[in-house]
Amino acid sequence: MPKSDHYTGSVYGGLGHLLLCFCQDQNIEIPQQLLDIQNLERFGYHQWYDILCLLDKQIKQPALGLEIAKYVQPRHIGVLGYLAQACTHLGEAIQQYHDFYRLIYDGGPLMARIESDEILIGWDVPKIFTTQTTDEIALAILYQFLLKFTHQQHLVINRVDFRHPQPSNVAYYQKYFNCPVRFSQPHSFLVIPLQTLLQPIHQADQTLQALLLDRAKDQLASLPDITLLDAQIQHAILSGLQQQQANIEYVSHKLGLSVRTLQRHLKKQQSSFQQRVQDIRLALAKKYLLDPHLNLQQIALLLGYSEQSAFQRAFKQWTQQTPQNWRKIANNPLK
C-alpha cells in the first residue's frame, strides 16, 4: 500500500549520494534518513522530499537547492549524465534528457513544449507535493546538466519560472541562472531559446553515444510502468477534488481507462480507488493544516467535502486526532 503522506515515484540512488557530498563538503551533520539511502539503486520520492525538508530546516540556507546542484556530477544521475557528454549538440542532449528522464525520477512526466522561438522544460509534479527547495534542485540539476556535462562555456537561458512565492534574495537566483527569474508562476520551467539547441558539444563521441543509448534503453525497460500510471492517477484525483468529482468514473475517463481496468490495476497493488482518494486527501489535509490562513471549512471544501463535519470525522478516522489537535501539535512540535 502506498504511503499516505507522500507522492508516488522513485528517485535514482545517485541523487542520494549528491546530498551526501554536499553535506560532507559543507561540514553539515548528516541526517540518518540520508545515510539510510546510501548505496540504494533507487529510493522513494517521499524519502527525497523528506530529506530535503530536513536539510532545509537544519541548514536554513537561502536557495539551498541551487547550492546542492552545484555539486552534481555525471555519476549522480547515472548513464544519462555520461550520455550528455557524448552528444553532438545541445538539442540532442535535451532530447536524451527528455527520452530518459525516468532514469532520474520516475513518477511524474518531464514537460517540454515549444512556444514561439523558445522551449520550456520542467517537471510535472503537483505543487502540493513540492517545496521551493525541491523545485530549485530539479531545475538547477537540469541547468547544470546542460552547462557542465555538455562543456558549455556559456549557456543562454531566457527565463526561469518557479511556482513558489518570491524569496528575499531574488538577485542570487538571477545571478545563478544569468537571466530573469519569476516566482508564483503556474509551473516551474527553464525557458531556453531554440537557437541555443544548435550549440555544439566539442567532446561528442558517436560510438560512445550508441553504446550508452543501448544501456539507457535497457535500464528504462527494466523500470516498472506502475509508478508512472500511479502519478497519472494522482493527478486525475487532484483534478477531481478541485471540481468536486473525486469519483472513479471521472478519474478513469480522464485517464482514458475503463473503470474495471483501473480497479484491476489498483487491486494488483492491494489497494482500491477509495484508498487512493483517502491517501491524497490526507496528504493534502496535512499540507493545508500547516497553513494558518486556512480555516477548517475552507480545507474541507478544498478536499471535496460538502461539510466541515465530514472532513473532521474522516481526519480523526485516519489519524486518531482531530484536525484542530493535529494542527496544534504540528505547529508546536516541542510543546
Protein backbone atom coordinates (compact mmCIF):
# COMPACT_ATOMS: atom_id res chain seq x y z
CA MET A 1 0.00 0.00 0.00
CA PRO A 2 1.43 3.43 -0.87
CA LYS A 3 2.48 5.76 1.91
CA SER A 4 -0.42 8.05 2.72
CA ASP A 5 1.68 11.16 3.29
CA HIS A 6 3.62 11.33 0.07
CA TYR A 7 3.70 11.42 -3.69
CA THR A 8 4.32 8.26 -5.68
CA GLY A 9 7.61 7.98 -7.51
CA SER A 10 11.18 6.71 -7.29
CA VAL A 11 14.46 8.61 -7.49
CA TYR A 12 17.85 7.47 -8.82
CA GLY A 13 20.14 6.47 -5.97
CA GLY A 14 22.94 8.76 -7.18
CA LEU A 15 20.93 11.77 -6.07
CA GLY A 16 21.19 10.49 -2.50
CA HIS A 17 24.96 10.50 -2.91
CA LEU A 18 24.76 14.06 -4.26
CA LEU A 19 23.14 15.18 -0.99
CA LEU A 20 25.79 13.30 0.99
CA CYS A 21 28.61 15.01 -0.96
CA PHE A 22 27.08 18.41 -0.25
CA CYS A 23 26.75 17.70 3.48
CA GLN A 24 30.29 16.37 3.77
CA ASP A 25 31.84 19.30 1.91
CA GLN A 26 29.87 21.83 3.96
CA ASN A 27 30.56 20.02 7.27
CA ILE A 28 26.83 19.58 7.84
CA GLU A 29 25.54 16.93 10.23
CA ILE A 30 24.24 14.10 8.05
CA PRO A 31 20.65 13.05 8.84
CA GLN A 32 20.14 9.34 9.49
CA GLN A 33 17.49 9.27 6.74
CA LEU A 34 20.19 10.32 4.26
CA LEU A 35 22.61 7.65 5.47
CA ASP A 36 19.87 5.02 5.13
CA ILE A 37 19.50 5.54 1.38
CA GLN A 38 23.20 5.44 0.51
CA ASN A 39 24.12 2.63 -1.92
CA LEU A 40 20.47 2.08 -2.92
CA GLU A 41 19.88 1.82 -6.66
CA ARG A 42 16.62 3.76 -6.28
CA PHE A 43 14.59 5.15 -3.39
CA GLY A 44 11.15 6.69 -2.92
CA TYR A 45 10.29 10.25 -3.86
CA HIS A 46 8.80 10.68 -0.37
CA GLN A 47 12.27 9.97 1.08
CA TRP A 48 13.84 12.53 -1.27
CA TYR A 49 11.19 15.09 -0.27
CA ASP A 50 11.57 14.39 3.46
CA ILE A 51 15.38 14.56 3.41
CA LEU A 52 15.35 17.88 1.54
CA CYS A 53 12.84 19.25 4.05
CA LEU A 54 15.10 18.09 6.91
CA LEU A 55 18.15 19.73 5.37
CA ASP A 56 16.15 22.89 4.72
CA LYS A 57 15.19 23.16 8.38
CA GLN A 58 18.64 22.16 9.61
CA ILE A 59 20.72 24.44 7.39
CA LYS A 60 18.32 27.36 6.84
CA GLN A 61 20.30 28.45 3.79
CA PRO A 62 18.59 30.55 1.12
CA ALA A 63 18.39 28.93 -2.33
CA LEU A 64 19.52 25.59 -0.87
CA GLY A 65 18.51 23.60 -3.95
CA LEU A 66 20.71 25.76 -6.18
CA GLU A 67 23.69 25.27 -3.86
CA ILE A 68 23.26 21.49 -3.77
CA ALA A 69 23.03 21.27 -7.56
CA LYS A 70 26.48 22.88 -7.90
CA TYR A 71 27.92 19.57 -6.68
CA VAL A 72 26.23 17.40 -9.31
CA GLN A 73 28.50 15.15 -11.38
CA PRO A 74 27.57 12.67 -14.14
CA ARG A 75 27.69 9.78 -11.66
CA HIS A 76 24.89 11.40 -9.65
CA ILE A 77 22.40 10.99 -12.48
CA GLY A 78 23.84 7.80 -13.93
CA VAL A 79 24.04 6.87 -17.59
CA LEU A 80 22.13 10.00 -18.62
CA GLY A 81 24.94 12.19 -17.31
CA TYR A 82 27.53 10.39 -19.42
CA LEU A 83 25.22 10.24 -22.43
CA ALA A 84 25.00 14.05 -22.50
CA GLN A 85 28.77 14.32 -22.88
CA ALA A 86 28.73 12.09 -25.96
CA CYS A 87 26.01 14.04 -27.84
CA THR A 88 26.85 16.24 -30.84
CA HIS A 89 24.88 19.34 -29.88
CA LEU A 90 22.80 20.76 -27.04
CA GLY A 91 19.47 19.96 -28.65
CA GLU A 92 20.42 16.29 -28.84
CA ALA A 93 21.37 16.30 -25.14
CA ILE A 94 17.99 17.83 -24.25
CA GLN A 95 16.26 15.19 -26.36
CA GLN A 96 18.09 12.42 -24.47
CA TYR A 97 17.14 14.05 -21.16
CA HIS A 98 13.51 14.09 -22.31
CA ASP A 99 13.59 10.47 -23.50
CA PHE A 100 15.30 9.05 -20.40
CA TYR A 101 14.23 11.35 -17.55
CA ARG A 102 12.58 8.41 -15.80
CA LEU A 103 16.06 7.06 -15.03
CA ILE A 104 16.49 10.11 -12.75
CA TYR A 105 12.95 10.48 -11.46
CA ASP A 106 10.18 8.00 -12.25
CA GLY A 107 6.79 9.20 -11.16
CA GLY A 108 5.92 12.42 -12.95
CA PRO A 109 6.44 13.41 -16.58
CA LEU A 110 9.00 15.91 -17.80
CA MET A 111 7.13 18.73 -19.52
CA ALA A 112 8.79 20.09 -22.64
CA ARG A 113 6.94 22.31 -25.06
CA ILE A 114 7.84 24.82 -27.76
CA GLU A 115 6.33 28.28 -27.69
CA SER A 116 7.32 30.63 -30.49
CA ASP A 117 11.15 30.61 -30.52
CA GLU A 118 11.59 29.07 -27.05
CA ILE A 119 11.48 25.65 -25.44
CA LEU A 120 10.08 25.32 -21.89
CA ILE A 121 11.31 22.39 -19.77
CA GLY A 122 10.23 21.39 -16.27
CA TRP A 123 8.94 18.55 -14.08
CA ASP A 124 5.20 17.94 -13.73
CA VAL A 125 4.81 17.17 -10.01
CA PRO A 126 1.72 18.67 -8.29
CA LYS A 127 2.67 21.78 -6.34
CA ILE A 128 1.20 20.37 -3.13
CA PHE A 129 3.90 17.65 -3.20
CA THR A 130 6.79 20.07 -3.72
CA THR A 131 8.62 22.83 -1.89
CA GLN A 132 10.73 25.69 -3.20
CA THR A 133 13.81 23.56 -2.49
CA THR A 134 12.57 20.50 -4.42
CA ASP A 135 11.74 22.70 -7.41
CA GLU A 136 15.07 24.54 -7.12
CA ILE A 137 17.13 21.38 -7.17
CA ALA A 138 15.12 19.88 -10.05
CA LEU A 139 15.67 22.90 -12.32
CA ALA A 140 19.23 23.56 -11.12
CA ILE A 141 20.31 19.96 -11.84
CA LEU A 142 18.85 20.29 -15.34
CA TYR A 143 20.72 23.60 -15.73
CA GLN A 144 23.99 22.08 -14.51
CA PHE A 145 23.39 19.06 -16.79
CA LEU A 146 23.21 21.38 -19.79
CA LEU A 147 26.04 23.66 -18.68
CA LYS A 148 28.69 21.33 -17.23
CA PHE A 149 28.01 17.93 -18.76
CA THR A 150 27.94 19.31 -22.32
CA HIS A 151 31.00 21.50 -21.67
CA GLN A 152 29.32 24.82 -22.49
CA GLN A 153 31.31 27.97 -21.79
CA HIS A 154 28.08 29.94 -21.65
CA LEU A 155 24.50 28.70 -21.60
CA VAL A 156 21.79 31.16 -22.62
CA ILE A 157 18.58 30.90 -20.58
CA ASN A 158 15.81 33.38 -21.38
CA ARG A 159 13.95 32.98 -18.12
CA VAL A 160 13.38 30.72 -15.14
CA ASP A 161 9.94 30.34 -13.56
CA PHE A 162 9.21 28.98 -10.07
CA ARG A 163 5.80 28.12 -8.65
CA HIS A 164 6.51 29.09 -5.08
CA PRO A 165 6.44 32.61 -3.57
CA GLN A 166 9.24 35.07 -4.16
CA PRO A 167 12.09 34.90 -1.61
CA SER A 168 14.03 37.91 -0.40
CA ASN A 169 17.21 37.10 -2.34
CA VAL A 170 15.92 37.21 -5.93
CA ALA A 171 19.20 38.70 -7.13
CA TYR A 172 21.03 35.48 -6.20
CA TYR A 173 18.70 33.44 -8.42
CA GLN A 174 19.22 35.87 -11.29
CA LYS A 175 22.98 35.64 -10.90
CA TYR A 176 22.92 31.84 -10.69
CA PHE A 177 20.93 31.36 -13.92
CA ASN A 178 22.18 34.62 -15.50
CA CYS A 179 18.65 35.57 -16.56
CA PRO A 180 15.37 36.96 -15.19
CA VAL A 181 13.69 34.72 -12.58
CA ARG A 182 9.97 34.86 -11.78
CA PHE A 183 8.07 33.39 -8.84
CA SER A 184 4.44 32.44 -8.10
CA GLN A 185 4.11 31.12 -11.66
CA PRO A 186 1.78 28.29 -12.81
CA HIS A 187 4.73 25.94 -13.41
CA SER A 188 8.47 25.71 -12.73
CA PHE A 189 10.33 25.93 -16.04
CA LEU A 190 13.66 26.64 -17.67
CA VAL A 191 12.93 28.73 -20.77
CA ILE A 192 15.62 28.25 -23.40
CA PRO A 193 15.88 29.94 -26.84
CA LEU A 194 15.58 27.43 -29.65
CA GLN A 195 18.74 28.71 -31.33
CA THR A 196 20.72 27.58 -28.26
CA LEU A 197 19.93 23.97 -29.18
CA LEU A 198 22.35 24.21 -32.10
CA GLN A 199 25.36 24.82 -29.85
CA PRO A 200 27.92 22.04 -30.49
CA ILE A 201 29.33 19.70 -27.85
CA HIS A 202 33.04 19.58 -28.56
CA GLN A 203 33.73 16.23 -26.90
CA ALA A 204 30.99 14.41 -28.84
CA ASP A 205 31.59 10.70 -29.44
CA GLN A 206 29.00 8.97 -31.61
CA THR A 207 30.40 5.49 -30.95
CA LEU A 208 30.23 6.01 -27.20
CA GLN A 209 26.79 7.58 -27.58
CA ALA A 210 25.46 4.46 -29.33
CA LEU A 211 26.76 2.22 -26.51
CA LEU A 212 25.31 4.48 -23.81
CA LEU A 213 21.98 4.68 -25.63
CA ASP A 214 21.69 0.89 -25.58
CA ARG A 215 22.47 0.89 -21.87
CA ALA A 216 19.93 3.65 -21.17
CA LYS A 217 17.25 1.79 -23.13
CA ASP A 218 17.92 -1.39 -21.16
CA GLN A 219 17.67 0.47 -17.85
CA LEU A 220 14.49 2.23 -18.93
CA ALA A 221 12.91 -1.06 -19.98
CA SER A 222 13.66 -2.51 -16.54
CA LEU A 223 11.66 0.22 -14.77
CA PRO A 224 8.09 -0.80 -13.95
CA ASP A 225 5.35 1.26 -15.60
CA ILE A 226 3.39 1.16 -12.40
CA THR A 227 4.74 4.37 -10.88
CA LEU A 228 4.05 6.44 -13.98
CA LEU A 229 0.42 5.31 -14.04
CA ASP A 230 0.16 5.95 -10.31
CA ALA A 231 1.34 9.51 -10.86
CA GLN A 232 -1.32 9.94 -13.54
CA ILE A 233 -3.95 8.56 -11.16
CA GLN A 234 -2.91 11.06 -8.50
CA HIS A 235 -3.08 13.93 -10.98
CA ALA A 236 -6.58 12.87 -12.03
CA ILE A 237 -7.77 12.55 -8.42
CA LEU A 238 -6.36 16.00 -7.62
CA SER A 239 -8.24 17.39 -10.60
CA GLY A 240 -11.40 15.61 -9.45
CA LEU A 241 -11.13 17.03 -5.94
CA GLN A 242 -10.83 20.54 -7.34
CA GLN A 243 -14.01 20.01 -9.36
CA GLN A 244 -15.92 18.11 -6.64
CA GLN A 245 -15.73 14.96 -8.80
CA ALA A 246 -13.40 12.63 -6.93
CA ASN A 247 -15.19 9.52 -8.20
CA ILE A 248 -13.83 6.57 -10.11
CA GLU A 249 -15.91 7.29 -13.21
CA TYR A 250 -14.40 10.77 -13.56
CA VAL A 251 -10.84 9.59 -12.92
CA SER A 252 -10.99 6.57 -15.24
CA HIS A 253 -12.45 8.76 -18.03
CA LYS A 254 -9.67 11.34 -17.54
CA LEU A 255 -7.07 8.56 -17.81
CA GLY A 256 -8.70 7.01 -20.86
CA LEU A 257 -9.28 3.73 -18.98
CA SER A 258 -12.37 1.73 -18.20
CA VAL A 259 -13.50 1.60 -14.58
CA ARG A 260 -12.75 -2.13 -14.46
CA THR A 261 -9.21 -1.65 -15.84
CA LEU A 262 -8.47 0.99 -13.20
CA GLN A 263 -9.90 -1.25 -10.46
CA ARG A 264 -7.77 -4.20 -11.62
CA HIS A 265 -4.62 -2.05 -11.59
CA LEU A 266 -5.27 -0.90 -8.04
CA LYS A 267 -6.18 -4.40 -6.89
CA LYS A 268 -2.80 -5.70 -8.10
CA GLN A 269 -1.24 -3.23 -5.66
CA GLN A 270 -3.50 -4.39 -2.84
CA SER A 271 -5.20 -1.01 -2.92
CA SER A 272 -8.52 0.48 -4.06
CA PHE A 273 -9.82 3.70 -5.54
CA GLN A 274 -11.23 4.84 -2.20
CA GLN A 275 -7.88 4.16 -0.53
CA ARG A 276 -6.11 6.28 -3.14
CA VAL A 277 -8.57 9.14 -2.65
CA GLN A 278 -8.07 8.85 1.11
CA ASP A 279 -4.26 8.86 0.71
CA ILE A 280 -4.34 12.05 -1.32
CA ARG A 281 -6.92 13.74 0.91
CA LEU A 282 -4.81 13.00 3.97
CA ALA A 283 -1.62 14.32 2.33
CA LEU A 284 -3.44 17.46 1.24
CA ALA A 285 -5.16 17.88 4.61
CA LYS A 286 -1.81 17.89 6.44
CA LYS A 287 -0.40 20.43 3.99
CA TYR A 288 -3.43 22.68 4.34
CA LEU A 289 -3.48 22.42 8.14
CA LEU A 290 0.05 23.81 8.22
CA ASP A 291 -1.29 26.98 6.57
CA PRO A 292 -2.61 29.25 9.36
CA HIS A 293 -4.60 31.27 6.84
CA LEU A 294 -6.95 28.37 6.04
CA ASN A 295 -9.81 27.52 8.40
CA LEU A 296 -11.37 24.07 8.65
CA GLN A 297 -14.35 24.95 6.48
CA GLN A 298 -12.05 26.12 3.68
CA ILE A 299 -9.90 22.98 4.00
CA ALA A 300 -12.98 20.78 3.85
CA LEU A 301 -14.07 22.44 0.60
CA LEU A 302 -10.57 22.14 -0.89
CA LEU A 303 -10.67 18.40 -0.16
CA GLY A 304 -14.04 17.96 -1.85
CA TYR A 305 -16.21 17.68 1.27
CA SER A 306 -19.53 19.49 1.28
CA GLU A 307 -19.49 19.81 5.08
CA GLN A 308 -16.77 20.55 7.60
CA SER A 309 -18.05 17.85 9.93
CA ALA A 310 -17.48 15.15 7.27
CA PHE A 311 -13.84 16.23 6.94
CA GLN A 312 -13.36 16.24 10.71
CA ARG A 313 -14.78 12.72 11.05
CA ALA A 314 -12.60 11.42 8.22
CA PHE A 315 -9.43 13.04 9.57
CA LYS A 316 -9.99 11.57 13.03
CA GLN A 317 -10.53 8.16 11.49
CA TRP A 318 -7.24 8.47 9.56
CA THR A 319 -5.04 9.84 12.33
CA GLN A 320 -6.92 9.23 15.61
CA GLN A 321 -6.69 13.00 16.14
CA THR A 322 -8.97 15.92 15.37
CA PRO A 323 -7.71 18.35 12.72
CA GLN A 324 -7.51 21.06 15.40
CA ASN A 325 -5.29 18.93 17.64
CA TRP A 326 -3.08 17.78 14.75
CA ARG A 327 -2.60 21.42 13.67
CA LYS A 328 -1.72 22.48 17.21
CA ILE A 329 0.91 19.73 17.60
CA ALA A 330 2.36 20.27 14.12
CA ASN A 331 2.81 23.98 14.71
CA ASN A 332 4.29 23.49 18.20
CA PRO A 333 6.26 20.21 17.97
CA LEU A 334 8.33 20.86 21.12
CA LYS A 335 5.38 21.52 23.41
